[in-house]
């Protein structure tokens, strides 16, 4: 069981690093990674043209055994993300910022490279 958890954690870390690189290539500045508070964690917090962007990164193996990465961002996860973003905004005095919530969905190939990356802007309604 520990091996499987370690493997999932490693997969998630690889996905987050790939997502951060991709977002930077798209012109975003990464402000925080794995930002935590009592309400939860946000994988990446970025800024794009003055917009504060909260990013959930979901990584899965290419096999697709557990559905698509974006399907795992359920209503419960969305609520936690909104709640955590509110805390971040309050603590960092970003009350006047325009805010957006994105999801980056990543499929990893068996060799550890990114096989598919999908960036979903305005993913939360």
Protein backbone atom coordinates (compact mmCIF):
# COMPACT_ATOMS: atom_id res chain seq x y z
CA UNK A 1 0.00 0.00 0.00
CA UNK A 2 2.82 2.44 0.85
CA UNK A 3 4.43 1.80 -2.55
CA UNK A 4 1.18 2.66 -4.33
CA UNK A 5 0.78 5.86 -2.28
CA UNK A 6 4.39 6.84 -2.95
CA UNK A 7 3.82 6.18 -6.65
CA UNK A 8 0.69 8.35 -6.70
CA UNK A 9 2.47 11.13 -4.86
CA UNK A 10 5.40 10.98 -7.30
CA UNK A 11 2.97 11.01 -10.23
CA UNK A 12 1.22 14.05 -8.76
CA UNK A 13 4.50 15.89 -8.22
CA UNK A 14 5.55 15.20 -11.82
CA UNK A 15 2.20 16.46 -13.05
CA UNK A 16 2.38 19.64 -10.99
CA UNK A 17 5.89 20.38 -12.21
CA UNK A 18 4.76 19.84 -15.82
CA UNK A 19 1.70 22.03 -15.30
CA UNK A 20 3.78 24.83 -13.77
CA UNK A 21 6.21 24.73 -16.71
CA UNK A 22 3.34 24.76 -19.20
CA UNK A 23 1.61 27.72 -17.50
CA UNK A 24 4.87 29.68 -17.42
CA UNK A 25 5.35 28.98 -21.14
CA UNK A 26 1.86 30.43 -21.64
CA UNK A 27 2.98 33.66 -19.94
CA UNK A 28 1.69 33.08 -16.42
CA UNK A 29 3.73 33.84 -13.30
CA UNK A 30 3.62 31.14 -10.62
CA UNK A 31 3.05 32.82 -7.24
CA UNK A 32 2.70 29.74 -5.03
CA UNK A 33 2.83 25.95 -5.20
CA UNK A 34 0.95 23.62 -2.87
CA UNK A 35 -0.43 26.50 -0.80
CA UNK A 36 -2.08 25.11 2.34
CA UNK A 37 -4.32 26.38 5.08
CA UNK A 38 -6.89 24.83 7.42
CA UNK A 39 -9.49 24.55 4.63
CA UNK A 40 -7.34 22.72 2.08
CA UNK A 41 -4.61 23.02 -0.51
CA UNK A 42 -4.34 24.68 -3.89
CA UNK A 43 -1.81 23.10 -6.24
CA UNK A 44 -0.73 26.23 -8.11
CA UNK A 45 -1.54 29.89 -7.73
CA UNK A 46 -0.59 31.97 -10.73
CA UNK A 47 -1.11 35.40 -12.19
CA UNK A 48 -2.00 36.15 -15.80
CA UNK A 49 -2.46 39.73 -17.00
CA UNK A 50 -3.50 40.89 -13.53
CA UNK A 51 -5.87 37.95 -12.96
CA UNK A 52 -5.26 35.73 -9.93
CA UNK A 53 -5.55 32.13 -11.14
CA UNK A 54 -6.11 29.20 -8.78
CA UNK A 55 -5.13 25.96 -10.49
CA UNK A 56 -6.06 22.39 -9.63
CA UNK A 57 -3.71 19.89 -11.27
CA UNK A 58 -4.98 16.36 -11.82
CA UNK A 59 -2.61 13.70 -13.09
CA UNK A 60 -3.38 10.16 -14.15
CA UNK A 61 -1.54 7.39 -15.95
CA UNK A 62 -2.26 7.03 -19.65
CA UNK A 63 -4.16 3.78 -19.04
CA UNK A 64 -7.23 5.73 -17.93
CA UNK A 65 -8.24 3.06 -15.44
CA UNK A 66 -9.83 5.62 -13.09
CA UNK A 67 -11.45 7.97 -15.61
CA UNK A 68 -10.17 11.28 -16.87
CA UNK A 69 -8.24 13.57 -14.54
CA UNK A 70 -10.76 16.39 -14.88
CA UNK A 71 -13.63 14.07 -13.90
CA UNK A 72 -12.05 13.77 -10.46
CA UNK A 73 -12.62 17.47 -9.73
CA UNK A 74 -16.02 16.86 -8.19
CA UNK A 75 -18.37 19.33 -6.48
CA UNK A 76 -16.81 18.67 -3.06
CA UNK A 77 -13.31 19.45 -4.40
CA UNK A 78 -14.62 22.58 -6.13
CA UNK A 79 -16.13 23.85 -2.86
CA UNK A 80 -12.88 23.19 -0.97
CA UNK A 81 -10.95 25.04 -3.65
CA UNK A 82 -13.27 28.06 -3.45
CA UNK A 83 -13.04 28.11 0.33
CA UNK A 84 -9.24 27.84 0.28
CA UNK A 85 -8.99 30.56 -2.38
CA UNK A 86 -11.01 32.89 -0.13
CA UNK A 87 -8.50 32.35 2.68
CA UNK A 88 -5.58 33.03 0.30
CA UNK A 89 -7.22 36.23 -0.96
CA UNK A 90 -7.84 37.41 2.60
CA UNK A 91 -4.34 36.59 3.89
CA UNK A 92 -2.61 38.19 0.89
CA UNK A 93 -4.82 41.28 0.69
CA UNK A 94 -5.94 40.47 -2.85
CA UNK A 95 -9.56 41.57 -2.33
CA UNK A 96 -9.53 43.75 -5.43
CA UNK A 97 -8.10 41.03 -7.70
CA UNK A 98 -10.04 39.49 -10.52
CA UNK A 99 -10.05 35.72 -9.91
CA UNK A 100 -10.24 32.64 -12.12
CA UNK A 101 -10.22 28.89 -11.40
CA UNK A 102 -8.52 26.56 -13.87
CA UNK A 103 -7.90 22.82 -14.05
CA UNK A 104 -4.86 21.30 -15.71
CA UNK A 105 -5.48 17.68 -16.66
CA UNK A 106 -2.39 15.57 -17.35
CA UNK A 107 -1.96 12.04 -18.69
CA UNK A 108 1.47 10.54 -18.07
CA UNK A 109 3.06 8.00 -20.39
CA UNK A 110 4.72 4.89 -18.88
CA UNK A 111 8.17 6.48 -19.39
CA UNK A 112 7.22 9.40 -17.11
CA UNK A 113 6.71 11.99 -19.85
CA UNK A 114 3.54 13.97 -20.35
CA UNK A 115 1.46 12.28 -23.05
CA UNK A 116 -1.43 14.75 -22.93
CA UNK A 117 -2.02 18.05 -21.16
CA UNK A 118 -5.34 19.87 -21.21
CA UNK A 119 -5.74 23.34 -19.69
CA UNK A 120 -9.34 24.14 -18.80
CA UNK A 121 -9.81 27.85 -18.09
CA UNK A 122 -12.72 29.00 -15.92
CA UNK A 123 -13.30 25.40 -14.88
CA UNK A 124 -15.43 26.27 -11.84
CA UNK A 125 -18.76 27.97 -12.29
